[in-house]
Full PDB file with SEQRES, HELIX, SHEET, SSBOND, CRYST1, ORIGX, SCALE, CONECT and MASTER records, all heavy atoms in Angstrom:
SEQRES   1 A   43  PHE ALA VAL HIS ASP ALA ILE GLU LYS GLY ARG ILE MET          
SEQRES   2 A   43  GLY PRO ARG MET GLN VAL ALA GLY GLU VAL ILE ARG PRO          
SEQRES   3 A   43  VAL GLY GLY GLU LEU ARG SER TRP LEU ARG PRO GLU ILE          
SEQRES   4 A   43  GLU PRO LEU PHE                                              
HELIX    1 AA1 ALA A    2  GLU A    8  1                                   7    
HELIX    2 AA2 GLU A   40  LEU A   42  5                                   3    
CRYST1    1.000    1.000    1.000  90.00  90.00  90.00 P 1           1          
ORIGX1      1.000000  0.000000  0.000000        0.00000                         
ORIGX2      0.000000  1.000000  0.000000        0.00000                         
ORIGX3      0.000000  0.000000  1.000000        0.00000                         
SCALE1      1.000000  0.000000  0.000000        0.00000                         
SCALE2      0.000000  1.000000  0.000000        0.00000                         
SCALE3      0.000000  0.000000  1.000000        0.00000                         
ATOM      1  N   PHE A   1     113.143 109.565  76.297  1.00  0.00           N  
ATOM      2  CA  PHE A   1     113.147 108.203  75.770  1.00  0.00           C  
ATOM      3  C   PHE A   1     112.699 108.202  74.311  1.00  0.00           C  
ATOM      4  O   PHE A   1     113.274 107.512  73.464  1.00  0.00           O  
ATOM      5  CB  PHE A   1     112.209 107.303  76.585  1.00  0.00           C  
ATOM      6  CG  PHE A   1     112.699 106.972  77.966  1.00  0.00           C  
ATOM      7  CD1 PHE A   1     111.846 107.075  79.053  1.00  0.00           C  
ATOM      8  CD2 PHE A   1     113.994 106.547  78.191  1.00  0.00           C  
ATOM      9  CE1 PHE A   1     112.281 106.756  80.331  1.00  0.00           C  
ATOM     10  CE2 PHE A   1     114.446 106.224  79.461  1.00  0.00           C  
ATOM     11  CZ  PHE A   1     113.583 106.330  80.538  1.00  0.00           C  
ATOM     12  N   ALA A   2     111.659 108.975  74.011  1.00  0.00           N  
ATOM     13  CA  ALA A   2     111.154 109.031  72.639  1.00  0.00           C  
ATOM     14  C   ALA A   2     112.188 109.622  71.697  1.00  0.00           C  
ATOM     15  O   ALA A   2     112.399 109.117  70.581  1.00  0.00           O  
ATOM     16  CB  ALA A   2     109.866 109.863  72.587  1.00  0.00           C  
ATOM     17  N   VAL A   3     112.860 110.690  72.126  1.00  0.00           N  
ATOM     18  CA  VAL A   3     113.894 111.314  71.300  1.00  0.00           C  
ATOM     19  C   VAL A   3     115.062 110.347  71.102  1.00  0.00           C  
ATOM     20  O   VAL A   3     115.589 110.193  69.987  1.00  0.00           O  
ATOM     21  CB  VAL A   3     114.353 112.635  71.923  1.00  0.00           C  
ATOM     22  CG1 VAL A   3     115.570 113.193  71.200  1.00  0.00           C  
ATOM     23  CG2 VAL A   3     113.213 113.660  71.889  1.00  0.00           C  
ATOM     24  N   HIS A   4     115.480 109.691  72.175  1.00  0.00           N  
ATOM     25  CA  HIS A   4     116.562 108.700  72.074  1.00  0.00           C  
ATOM     26  C   HIS A   4     116.221 107.625  71.050  1.00  0.00           C  
ATOM     27  O   HIS A   4     117.034 107.292  70.177  1.00  0.00           O  
ATOM     28  CB  HIS A   4     116.791 108.068  73.448  1.00  0.00           C  
ATOM     29  CG  HIS A   4     117.616 106.817  73.429  1.00  0.00           C  
ATOM     30  ND1 HIS A   4     117.065 105.562  73.236  1.00  0.00           N  
ATOM     31  CD2 HIS A   4     118.955 106.612  73.563  1.00  0.00           C  
ATOM     32  CE1 HIS A   4     118.015 104.654  73.247  1.00  0.00           C  
ATOM     33  NE2 HIS A   4     119.172 105.254  73.450  1.00  0.00           N  
ATOM     34  N   ASP A   5     115.030 107.072  71.143  1.00  0.00           N  
ATOM     35  CA  ASP A   5     114.646 105.984  70.249  1.00  0.00           C  
ATOM     36  C   ASP A   5     114.578 106.462  68.803  1.00  0.00           C  
ATOM     37  O   ASP A   5     114.980 105.742  67.875  1.00  0.00           O  
ATOM     38  CB  ASP A   5     113.300 105.411  70.667  1.00  0.00           C  
ATOM     39  CG  ASP A   5     113.369 104.661  71.997  1.00  0.00           C  
ATOM     40  OD1 ASP A   5     114.482 104.520  72.543  1.00  0.00           O  
ATOM     41  OD2 ASP A   5     112.311 104.230  72.481  1.00  0.00           O  
ATOM     42  N   ALA A   6     114.062 107.675  68.585  1.00  0.00           N  
ATOM     43  CA  ALA A   6     113.955 108.212  67.227  1.00  0.00           C  
ATOM     44  C   ALA A   6     115.337 108.455  66.618  1.00  0.00           C  
ATOM     45  O   ALA A   6     115.562 108.211  65.427  1.00  0.00           O  
ATOM     46  CB  ALA A   6     113.147 109.505  67.231  1.00  0.00           C  
ATOM     47  N   ILE A   7     116.286 108.913  67.426  1.00  0.00           N  
ATOM     48  CA  ILE A   7     117.661 109.092  66.947  1.00  0.00           C  
ATOM     49  C   ILE A   7     118.269 107.745  66.586  1.00  0.00           C  
ATOM     50  O   ILE A   7     118.894 107.579  65.530  1.00  0.00           O  
ATOM     51  CB  ILE A   7     118.515 109.819  68.008  1.00  0.00           C  
ATOM     52  CG1 ILE A   7     118.067 111.272  68.151  1.00  0.00           C  
ATOM     53  CG2 ILE A   7     120.000 109.763  67.634  1.00  0.00           C  
ATOM     54  CD1 ILE A   7     118.680 111.992  69.351  1.00  0.00           C  
ATOM     55  N   GLU A   8     118.083 106.751  67.460  1.00  0.00           N  
ATOM     56  CA  GLU A   8     118.643 105.420  67.217  1.00  0.00           C  
ATOM     57  C   GLU A   8     118.122 104.820  65.917  1.00  0.00           C  
ATOM     58  O   GLU A   8     118.851 104.120  65.214  1.00  0.00           O  
ATOM     59  CB  GLU A   8     118.305 104.499  68.390  1.00  0.00           C  
ATOM     60  CG  GLU A   8     119.103 104.751  69.648  1.00  0.00           C  
ATOM     61  CD  GLU A   8     120.549 104.351  69.498  1.00  0.00           C  
ATOM     62  OE1 GLU A   8     120.819 103.162  69.248  1.00  0.00           O  
ATOM     63  OE2 GLU A   8     121.420 105.241  69.590  1.00  0.00           O  
ATOM     64  N   LYS A   9     116.865 105.107  65.596  1.00  0.00           N  
ATOM     65  CA  LYS A   9     116.258 104.558  64.386  1.00  0.00           C  
ATOM     66  C   LYS A   9     116.506 105.423  63.158  1.00  0.00           C  
ATOM     67  O   LYS A   9     116.030 105.079  62.067  1.00  0.00           O  
ATOM     68  CB  LYS A   9     114.760 104.374  64.616  1.00  0.00           C  
ATOM     69  CG  LYS A   9     114.447 103.321  65.667  1.00  0.00           C  
ATOM     70  CD  LYS A   9     112.966 103.303  66.018  1.00  0.00           C  
ATOM     71  CE  LYS A   9     112.691 102.285  67.122  1.00  0.00           C  
ATOM     72  NZ  LYS A   9     111.271 102.316  67.557  1.00  0.00           N  
ATOM     73  N   GLY A  10     117.244 106.530  63.304  1.00  0.00           N  
ATOM     74  CA  GLY A  10     117.556 107.392  62.177  1.00  0.00           C  
ATOM     75  C   GLY A  10     116.414 108.270  61.730  1.00  0.00           C  
ATOM     76  O   GLY A  10     116.433 108.814  60.623  1.00  0.00           O  
ATOM     77  N   ARG A  11     115.423 108.461  62.589  1.00  0.00           N  
ATOM     78  CA  ARG A  11     114.254 109.241  62.199  1.00  0.00           C  
ATOM     79  C   ARG A  11     114.449 110.742  62.421  1.00  0.00           C  
ATOM     80  O   ARG A  11     113.801 111.554  61.768  1.00  0.00           O  
ATOM     81  CB  ARG A  11     113.026 108.762  62.976  1.00  0.00           C  
ATOM     82  CG  ARG A  11     112.585 107.354  62.571  1.00  0.00           C  
ATOM     83  CD  ARG A  11     111.498 106.823  63.481  1.00  0.00           C  
ATOM     84  NE  ARG A  11     110.999 105.534  62.993  1.00  0.00           N  
ATOM     85  CZ  ARG A  11     110.257 104.713  63.717  1.00  0.00           C  
ATOM     86  NH1 ARG A  11     109.930 105.033  64.947  1.00  0.00           N  
ATOM     87  NH2 ARG A  11     109.852 103.570  63.207  1.00  0.00           N  
ATOM     88  N   ILE A  12     115.294 111.093  63.362  1.00  0.00           N  
ATOM     89  CA  ILE A  12     115.599 112.502  63.619  1.00  0.00           C  
ATOM     90  C   ILE A  12     117.094 112.645  63.846  1.00  0.00           C  
ATOM     91  O   ILE A  12     117.808 111.669  64.083  1.00  0.00           O  
ATOM     92  CB  ILE A  12     114.827 113.064  64.833  1.00  0.00           C  
ATOM     93  CG1 ILE A  12     115.250 112.360  66.130  1.00  0.00           C  
ATOM     94  CG2 ILE A  12     113.321 112.967  64.615  1.00  0.00           C  
ATOM     95  CD1 ILE A  12     114.668 112.973  67.384  1.00  0.00           C  
ATOM     96  N   MET A  13     117.578 113.877  63.797  1.00  0.00           N  
ATOM     97  CA  MET A  13     118.997 114.159  63.996  1.00  0.00           C  
ATOM     98  C   MET A  13     119.266 114.461  65.466  1.00  0.00           C  
ATOM     99  O   MET A  13     118.520 115.200  66.115  1.00  0.00           O  
ATOM    100  CB  MET A  13     119.420 115.347  63.133  1.00  0.00           C  
ATOM    101  CG  MET A  13     119.341 115.087  61.650  1.00  0.00           C  
ATOM    102  SD  MET A  13     119.840 116.540  60.685  1.00  0.00           S  
ATOM    103  CE  MET A  13     121.561 116.657  61.178  1.00  0.00           C  
ATOM    104  N   GLY A  14     120.343 113.887  65.958  1.00  0.00           N  
ATOM    105  CA  GLY A  14     120.741 114.142  67.333  1.00  0.00           C  
ATOM    106  C   GLY A  14     121.940 113.288  67.692  1.00  0.00           C  
ATOM    107  O   GLY A  14     122.306 112.368  66.953  1.00  0.00           O  
ATOM    108  N   PRO A  15     122.564 113.572  68.814  1.00  0.00           N  
ATOM    109  CA  PRO A  15     123.718 112.770  69.245  1.00  0.00           C  
ATOM    110  C   PRO A  15     123.292 111.377  69.687  1.00  0.00           C  
ATOM    111  O   PRO A  15     122.129 111.154  70.048  1.00  0.00           O  
ATOM    112  CB  PRO A  15     124.275 113.578  70.427  1.00  0.00           C  
ATOM    113  CG  PRO A  15     123.122 114.375  70.920  1.00  0.00           C  
ATOM    114  CD  PRO A  15     122.234 114.647  69.748  1.00  0.00           C  
ATOM    115  N   ARG A  16     124.228 110.432  69.656  1.00  0.00           N  
ATOM    116  CA  ARG A  16     123.946 109.141  70.288  1.00  0.00           C  
ATOM    117  C   ARG A  16     123.845 109.417  71.789  1.00  0.00           C  
ATOM    118  O   ARG A  16     124.534 110.276  72.323  1.00  0.00           O  
ATOM    119  CB  ARG A  16     124.995 108.095  69.938  1.00  0.00           C  
ATOM    120  CG  ARG A  16     126.382 108.324  70.445  1.00  0.00           C  
ATOM    121  CD  ARG A  16     127.339 107.227  69.969  1.00  0.00           C  
ATOM    122  NE  ARG A  16     127.657 107.424  68.547  1.00  0.00           N  
ATOM    123  CZ  ARG A  16     127.174 106.647  67.575  1.00  0.00           C  
ATOM    124  NH1 ARG A  16     126.385 105.640  67.847  1.00  0.00           N  
ATOM    125  NH2 ARG A  16     127.501 106.887  66.320  1.00  0.00           N  
ATOM    126  N   MET A  17     122.982 108.684  72.467  1.00  0.00           N  
ATOM    127  CA  MET A  17     122.621 109.056  73.828  1.00  0.00           C  
ATOM    128  C   MET A  17     122.528 107.873  74.768  1.00  0.00           C  
ATOM    129  O   MET A  17     122.157 106.771  74.369  1.00  0.00           O  
ATOM    130  CB  MET A  17     121.246 109.757  73.831  1.00  0.00           C  
ATOM    131  CG  MET A  17     121.192 111.083  73.135  1.00  0.00           C  
ATOM    132  SD  MET A  17     119.477 111.666  72.944  1.00  0.00           S  
ATOM    133  CE  MET A  17     118.921 111.672  74.646  1.00  0.00           C  
ATOM    134  N   GLN A  18     122.860 108.129  76.027  1.00  0.00           N  
ATOM    135  CA  GLN A  18     122.364 107.352  77.147  1.00  0.00           C  
ATOM    136  C   GLN A  18     121.362 108.227  77.894  1.00  0.00           C  
ATOM    137  O   GLN A  18     121.512 109.449  77.927  1.00  0.00           O  
ATOM    138  CB  GLN A  18     123.494 106.927  78.091  1.00  0.00           C  
ATOM    139  CG  GLN A  18     124.411 105.874  77.519  1.00  0.00           C  
ATOM    140  CD  GLN A  18     125.510 105.470  78.489  1.00  0.00           C  
ATOM    141  OE1 GLN A  18     125.607 105.971  79.605  1.00  0.00           O  
ATOM    142  NE2 GLN A  18     126.366 104.550  78.045  1.00  0.00           N  
ATOM    143  N   VAL A  19     120.347 107.606  78.472  1.00  0.00           N  
ATOM    144  CA  VAL A  19     119.311 108.361  79.169  1.00  0.00           C  
ATOM    145  C   VAL A  19     119.071 107.763  80.551  1.00  0.00           C  
ATOM    146  O   VAL A  19     119.002 106.542  80.707  1.00  0.00           O  
ATOM    147  CB  VAL A  19     118.003 108.392  78.363  1.00  0.00           C  
ATOM    148  CG1 VAL A  19     118.145 109.265  77.138  1.00  0.00           C  
ATOM    149  CG2 VAL A  19     117.562 106.989  77.936  1.00  0.00           C  
ATOM    150  N   ALA A  20     118.950 108.642  81.547  1.00  0.00           N  
ATOM    151  CA  ALA A  20     118.796 108.187  82.927  1.00  0.00           C  
ATOM    152  C   ALA A  20     117.339 108.038  83.338  1.00  0.00           C  
ATOM    153  O   ALA A  20     117.049 107.394  84.350  1.00  0.00           O  
ATOM    154  CB  ALA A  20     119.495 109.160  83.880  1.00  0.00           C  
ATOM    155  N   GLY A  21     116.413 108.617  82.594  1.00  0.00           N  
ATOM    156  CA  GLY A  21     115.034 108.594  83.054  1.00  0.00           C  
ATOM    157  C   GLY A  21     114.869 109.446  84.296  1.00  0.00           C  
ATOM    158  O   GLY A  21     115.536 110.468  84.475  1.00  0.00           O  
ATOM    159  N   GLU A  22     113.984 109.025  85.189  1.00  0.00           N  
ATOM    160  CA  GLU A  22     113.791 109.752  86.438  1.00  0.00           C  
ATOM    161  C   GLU A  22     114.991 109.519  87.366  1.00  0.00           C  
ATOM    162  O   GLU A  22     115.562 108.432  87.410  1.00  0.00           O  
ATOM    163  CB  GLU A  22     112.511 109.290  87.134  1.00  0.00           C  
ATOM    164  CG  GLU A  22     111.241 109.763  86.446  1.00  0.00           C  
ATOM    165  CD  GLU A  22     110.989 111.247  86.643  1.00  0.00           C  
ATOM    166  OE1 GLU A  22     111.413 111.803  87.674  1.00  0.00           O  
ATOM    167  OE2 GLU A  22     110.366 111.849  85.753  1.00  0.00           O  
ATOM    168  N   VAL A  23     115.347 110.553  88.113  1.00  0.00           N  
ATOM    169  CA  VAL A  23     116.454 110.456  89.069  1.00  0.00           C  
ATOM    170  C   VAL A  23     115.985 109.679  90.294  1.00  0.00           C  
ATOM    171  O   VAL A  23     114.913 109.951  90.845  1.00  0.00           O  
ATOM    172  CB  VAL A  23     116.934 111.862  89.464  1.00  0.00           C  
ATOM    173  CG1 VAL A  23     118.027 111.778  90.524  1.00  0.00           C  
ATOM    174  CG2 VAL A  23     117.440 112.619  88.244  1.00  0.00           C  
ATOM    175  N   ILE A  24     116.783 108.703  90.723  1.00  0.00           N  
ATOM    176  CA  ILE A  24     116.463 107.920  91.914  1.00  0.00           C  
ATOM    177  C   ILE A  24     116.594 108.821  93.137  1.00  0.00           C  
ATOM    178  O   ILE A  24     117.626 109.470  93.340  1.00  0.00           O  
ATOM    179  CB  ILE A  24     117.396 106.701  92.054  1.00  0.00           C  
ATOM    180  CG1 ILE A  24     117.397 105.848  90.777  1.00  0.00           C  
ATOM    181  CG2 ILE A  24     117.004 105.863  93.277  1.00  0.00           C  
ATOM    182  CD1 ILE A  24     116.100 105.183  90.457  1.00  0.00           C  
ATOM    183  N   ARG A  25     115.560 108.842  93.974  1.00  0.00           N  
ATOM    184  CA  ARG A  25     115.553 109.734  95.132  1.00  0.00           C  
ATOM    185  C   ARG A  25     114.652 109.138  96.212  1.00  0.00           C  
ATOM    186  O   ARG A  25     113.769 108.325  95.912  1.00  0.00           O  
ATOM    187  CB  ARG A  25     115.048 111.115  94.733  1.00  0.00           C  
ATOM    188  CG  ARG A  25     113.649 111.112  94.159  1.00  0.00           C  
ATOM    189  CD  ARG A  25     113.288 112.448  93.527  1.00  0.00           C  
ATOM    190  NE  ARG A  25     111.899 112.473  93.097  1.00  0.00           N  
ATOM    191  CZ  ARG A  25     111.457 112.019  91.928  1.00  0.00           C  
ATOM    192  NH1 ARG A  25     112.307 111.490  91.064  1.00  0.00           N  
ATOM    193  NH2 ARG A  25     110.173 112.088  91.616  1.00  0.00           N  
ATOM    194  N   PRO A  26     114.802 109.558  97.486  1.00  0.00           N  
ATOM    195  CA  PRO A  26     113.927 109.058  98.543  1.00  0.00           C  
ATOM    196  C   PRO A  26     112.639 109.869  98.626  1.00  0.00           C  
ATOM    197  O   PRO A  26     112.508 110.927  97.995  1.00  0.00           O  
ATOM    198  CB  PRO A  26     114.766 109.256  99.802  1.00  0.00           C  
ATOM    199  CG  PRO A  26     115.584 110.472  99.496  1.00  0.00           C  
ATOM    200  CD  PRO A  26     115.884 110.407  98.020  1.00  0.00           C  
ATOM    201  N   VAL A  27     111.702 109.383  99.402  1.00  0.00           N  
ATOM    202  CA  VAL A  27     110.487 110.154  99.668  1.00  0.00           C  
ATOM    203  C   VAL A  27     110.882 111.503 100.277  1.00  0.00           C  
ATOM    204  O   VAL A  27     111.745 111.581 101.151  1.00  0.00           O  
ATOM    205  CB  VAL A  27     109.560 109.391 100.631  1.00  0.00           C  
ATOM    206  CG1 VAL A  27     108.427 110.286 101.122  1.00  0.00           C  
ATOM    207  CG2 VAL A  27     109.005 108.150  99.940  1.00  0.00           C  
ATOM    208  N   GLY A  28     110.269 112.582  99.768  1.00  0.00           N  
ATOM    209  CA  GLY A  28     110.622 113.914 100.252  1.00  0.00           C  
ATOM    210  C   GLY A  28     111.956 114.394  99.734  1.00  0.00           C  
ATOM    211  O   GLY A  28     112.540 115.331 100.279  1.00  0.00           O  
ATOM    212  N   GLY A  29     112.440 113.792  98.647  1.00  0.00           N  
ATOM    213  CA  GLY A  29     113.769 114.128  98.145  1.00  0.00           C  
ATOM    214  C   GLY A  29     113.777 115.285  97.185  1.00  0.00           C  
ATOM    215  O   GLY A  29     113.351 116.392  97.521  1.00  0.00           O  
ATOM    216  N   GLU A  30     114.194 115.017  95.943  1.00  0.00           N  
ATOM    217  CA  GLU A  30     114.539 116.075  94.998  1.00  0.00           C  
ATOM    218  C   GLU A  30     113.436 117.100  94.786  1.00  0.00           C  
ATOM    219  O   GLU A  30     113.709 118.283  94.652  1.00  0.00           O  
ATOM    220  CB  GLU A  30     114.905 115.448  93.649  1.00  0.00           C  
ATOM    221  CG  GLU A  30     115.349 116.469  92.619  1.00  0.00           C  
ATOM    222  CD  GLU A  30     115.450 115.855  91.236  1.00  0.00           C  
ATOM    223  OE1 GLU A  30     114.920 114.750  91.031  1.00  0.00           O  
ATOM    224  OE2 GLU A  30     116.051 116.487  90.374  1.00  0.00           O  
ATOM    225  N   LEU A  31     112.188 116.686  94.760  1.00  0.00           N  
ATOM    226  CA  LEU A  31     111.107 117.609  94.415  1.00  0.00           C  
ATOM    227  C   LEU A  31     110.492 118.316  95.613  1.00  0.00           C  
ATOM    228  O   LEU A  31     109.555 119.085  95.452  1.00  0.00           O  
ATOM    229  CB  LEU A  31     109.995 116.851  93.673  1.00  0.00           C  
ATOM    230  CG  LEU A  31     110.380 116.166  92.375  1.00  0.00           C  
ATOM    231  CD1 LEU A  31     109.155 115.530  91.741  1.00  0.00           C  
ATOM    232  CD2 LEU A  31     111.015 117.143  91.405  1.00  0.00           C  
ATOM    233  N   ARG A  32     111.011 118.103  96.817  1.00  0.00           N  
ATOM    234  CA  ARG A  32     110.300 118.578  97.984  1.00  0.00           C  
ATOM    235  C   ARG A  32     110.162 120.099  98.042  1.00  0.00           C  
ATOM    236  O   ARG A  32     109.228 120.612  98.647  1.00  0.00           O  
ATOM    237  CB  ARG A  32     110.965 118.068  99.265  1.00  0.00           C  
ATOM    238  CG  ARG A  32     112.311 118.712  99.607  1.00  0.00           C  
ATOM    239  CD  ARG A  32     112.973 117.967 100.768  1.00  0.00           C  
ATOM    240  NE  ARG A  32     114.148 118.662 101.260  1.00  0.00           N  
ATOM    241  CZ  ARG A  32     115.324 118.682 100.658  1.00  0.00           C  
ATOM    242  NH1 ARG A  32     115.476 118.035  99.506  1.00  0.00           N  
ATOM    243  NH2 ARG A  32     116.349 119.323 101.156  1.00  0.00           N  
ATOM    244  N   SER A  33     111.090 120.833  97.433  1.00  0.00           N  
ATOM    245  CA  SER A  33     111.019 122.287  97.488  1.00  0.00           C  
ATOM    246  C   SER A  33     110.228 122.871  96.323  1.00  0.00           C  
ATOM    247  O   SER A  33     110.010 124.074  96.280  1.00  0.00           O  
ATOM    248  CB  SER A  33     112.430 122.889  97.492  1.00  0.00           C  
ATOM    249  OG  SER A  33     113.107 122.571  96.296  1.00  0.00           O  
ATOM    250  N   TRP A  34     109.786 122.035  95.368  1.00  0.00           N  
ATOM    251  CA  TRP A  34     109.073 122.530  94.194  1.00  0.00           C  
ATOM    252  C   TRP A  34     107.575 122.199  94.227  1.00  0.00           C  
ATOM    253  O   TRP A  34     106.758 122.929  93.693  1.00  0.00           O  
ATOM    254  CB  TRP A  34     109.678 121.951  92.914  1.00  0.00           C  
ATOM    255  CG  TRP A  34     111.051 122.436  92.637  1.00  0.00           C  
ATOM    256  CD1 TRP A  34     111.504 123.718  92.742  1.00  0.00           C  
ATOM    257  CD2 TRP A  34     112.167 121.658  92.223  1.00  0.00           C  
ATOM    258  NE1 TRP A  34     112.829 123.783  92.426  1.00  0.00           N  
ATOM    259  CE2 TRP A  34     113.269 122.525  92.094  1.00  0.00           C  
ATOM    260  CE3 TRP A  34     112.347 120.309  91.940  1.00  0.00           C  
ATOM    261  CZ2 TRP A  34     114.517 122.101  91.691  1.00  0.00           C  
ATOM    262  CZ3 TRP A  34     113.600 119.880  91.543  1.00  0.00           C  
ATOM    263  CH2 TRP A  34     114.668 120.768  91.426  1.00  0.00           C  
ATOM    264  N   LEU A  35     107.223 121.074  94.826  1.00  0.00           N  
ATOM    265  CA  LEU A  35     105.840 120.615  94.793  1.00  0.00           C  
ATOM    266  C   LEU A  35     105.358 120.265  96.196  1.00  0.00           C  
ATOM    267  O   LEU A  35     106.135 119.863  97.059  1.00  0.00           O  
ATOM    268  CB  LEU A  35     105.715 119.381  93.895  1.00  0.00           C  
ATOM    269  CG  LEU A  35     106.072 119.568  92.424  1.00  0.00           C  
ATOM    270  CD1 LEU A  35     106.087 118.220  91.722  1.00  0.00           C  
ATOM    271  CD2 LEU A  35     105.108 120.515  91.735  1.00  0.00           C  
ATOM    272  N   ARG A  36     104.070 120.431  96.428  1.00  0.00           N  
ATOM    273  CA  ARG A  36     103.496 120.036  97.699  1.00  0.00           C  
ATOM    274  C   ARG A  36     103.625 118.532  97.889  1.00  0.00           C  
ATOM    275  O   ARG A  36     103.555 117.760  96.927  1.00  0.00           O  
ATOM    276  CB  ARG A  36     102.026 120.460  97.731  1.00  0.00           C  
ATOM    277  CG  ARG A  36     101.845 121.951  97.838  1.00  0.00           C  
ATOM    278  CD  ARG A  36     100.432 122.384  97.505  1.00  0.00           C  
ATOM    279  NE  ARG A  36      99.427 121.632  98.266  1.00  0.00           N  
ATOM    280  CZ  ARG A  36      98.119 121.827  98.131  1.00  0.00           C  
ATOM    281  NH1 ARG A  36      97.684 122.724  97.245  1.00  0.00           N  
ATOM    282  NH2 ARG A  36      97.270 121.127  98.850  1.00  0.00           N  
ATOM    283  N   PRO A  37     103.814 118.063  99.145  1.00  0.00           N  
ATOM    284  CA  PRO A  37     104.052 116.638  99.380  1.00  0.00           C  
ATOM    285  C   PRO A  37     102.977 115.729  98.805  1.00  0.00           C  
ATOM    286  O   PRO A  37     103.277 114.618  98.360  1.00  0.00           O  
ATOM    287  CB  PRO A  37     104.099 116.550 100.914  1.00  0.00           C  
ATOM    288  CG  PRO A  37     104.504 117.909 101.359  1.00  0.00           C  
ATOM    289  CD  PRO A  37     103.901 118.868 100.378  1.00  0.00           C  
ATOM    290  N   GLU A  38     101.702 116.174  98.813  1.00  0.00           N  
ATOM    291  CA  GLU A  38     100.649 115.305  98.304  1.00  0.00           C  
ATOM    292  C   GLU A  38     100.662 115.211  96.781  1.00  0.00           C  
ATOM    293  O   GLU A  38     100.026 114.326  96.190  1.00  0.00           O  
ATOM    294  CB  GLU A  38      99.267 115.777  98.790  1.00  0.00           C  
ATOM    295  CG  GLU A  38      98.871 117.165  98.323  1.00  0.00           C  
ATOM    296  CD  GLU A  38      99.266 118.263  99.309  1.00  0.00           C  
ATOM    297  OE1 GLU A  38     100.311 118.109  99.986  1.00  0.00           O  
ATOM    298  OE2 GLU A  38      98.539 119.266  99.384  1.00  0.00           O  
ATOM    299  N   ILE A  39     101.380 116.128  96.092  1.00  0.00           N  
ATOM    300  CA  ILE A  39     101.460 116.106  94.641  1.00  0.00           C  
ATOM    301  C   ILE A  39     102.632 115.255  94.163  1.00  0.00           C  
ATOM    302  O   ILE A  39     102.558 114.603  93.126  1.00  0.00           O  
ATOM    303  CB  ILE A  39     101.591 117.545  94.084  1.00  0.00           C  
ATOM    304  CG1 ILE A  39     100.332 118.350  94.408  1.00  0.00           C  
ATOM    305  CG2 ILE A  39     101.848 117.542  92.582  1.00  0.00           C  
ATOM    306  CD1 ILE A  39     100.415 119.800  94.004  1.00  0.00           C  
ATOM    307  N   GLU A  40     103.710 115.221  94.936  1.00  0.00           N  
ATOM    308  CA  GLU A  40     104.936 114.550  94.500  1.00  0.00           C  
ATOM    309  C   GLU A  40     104.713 113.115  94.029  1.00  0.00           C  
ATOM    310  O   GLU A  40     105.264 112.705  92.994  1.00  0.00           O  
ATOM    311  CB  GLU A  40     105.994 114.570  95.599  1.00  0.00           C  
ATOM    312  CG  GLU A  40     107.285 113.887  95.200  1.00  0.00           C  
ATOM    313  CD  GLU A  40     108.322 113.867  96.309  1.00  0.00           C  
ATOM    314  OE1 GLU A  40     108.228 114.675  97.242  1.00  0.00           O  
ATOM    315  OE2 GLU A  40     109.229 113.022  96.228  1.00  0.00           O  
ATOM    316  N   PRO A  41     103.894 112.296  94.717  1.00  0.00           N  
ATOM    317  CA  PRO A  41     103.732 110.906  94.256  1.00  0.00           C  
ATOM    318  C   PRO A  41     103.144 110.761  92.864  1.00  0.00           C  
ATOM    319  O   PRO A  41     103.233 109.683  92.271  1.00  0.00           O  
ATOM    320  CB  PRO A  41     102.797 110.307  95.318  1.00  0.00           C  
ATOM    321  CG  PRO A  41     103.008 111.130  96.537  1.00  0.00           C  
ATOM    322  CD  PRO A  41     103.236 112.519  96.021  1.00  0.00           C  
ATOM    323  N   LEU A  42     102.543 111.832  92.335  1.00  0.00           N  
ATOM    324  CA  LEU A  42     102.000 111.760  90.982  1.00  0.00           C  
ATOM    325  C   LEU A  42     103.097 111.751  89.923  1.00  0.00           C  
ATOM    326  O   LEU A  42     102.841 111.415  88.765  1.00  0.00           O  
ATOM    327  CB  LEU A  42     101.066 112.952  90.728  1.00  0.00           C  
ATOM    328  CG  LEU A  42      99.840 113.066  91.652  1.00  0.00           C  
ATOM    329  CD1 LEU A  42      99.090 114.356  91.347  1.00  0.00           C  
ATOM    330  CD2 LEU A  42      98.926 111.858  91.483  1.00  0.00           C  
ATOM    331  N   PHE A  43     104.318 112.141  90.295  1.00  0.00           N  
ATOM    332  CA  PHE A  43     105.386 112.318  89.318  1.00  0.00           C  
ATOM    333  C   PHE A  43     106.381 111.165  89.410  1.00  0.00           C  
ATOM    334  O   PHE A  43     107.346 111.184  90.157  1.00  0.00           O  
ATOM    335  CB  PHE A  43     106.083 113.669  89.516  1.00  0.00           C  
ATOM    336  CG  PHE A  43     105.178 114.824  89.205  1.00  0.00           C  
ATOM    337  CD1 PHE A  43     104.419 115.411  90.197  1.00  0.00           C  
ATOM    338  CD2 PHE A  43     105.042 115.292  87.905  1.00  0.00           C  
ATOM    339  CE1 PHE A  43     103.564 116.458  89.900  1.00  0.00           C  
ATOM    340  CE2 PHE A  43     104.187 116.327  87.610  1.00  0.00           C  
ATOM    341  CZ  PHE A  43     103.439 116.910  88.602  1.00  0.00           C  
TER     342      PHE A  43                                                      
MASTER        0    0    0    2    0    0    0    6  341    1    0    4          
END                                                                             
């Protein structure tokens, strides 16, 4: 988001962008194989 905004304002060089942010997923979804279940809600 910060990089997108800086590009839009002409402060840094980069392509024009759309940004998705965090990927929409269910509980126990995308991160379940990378992080312990009690850690996932922190992200």
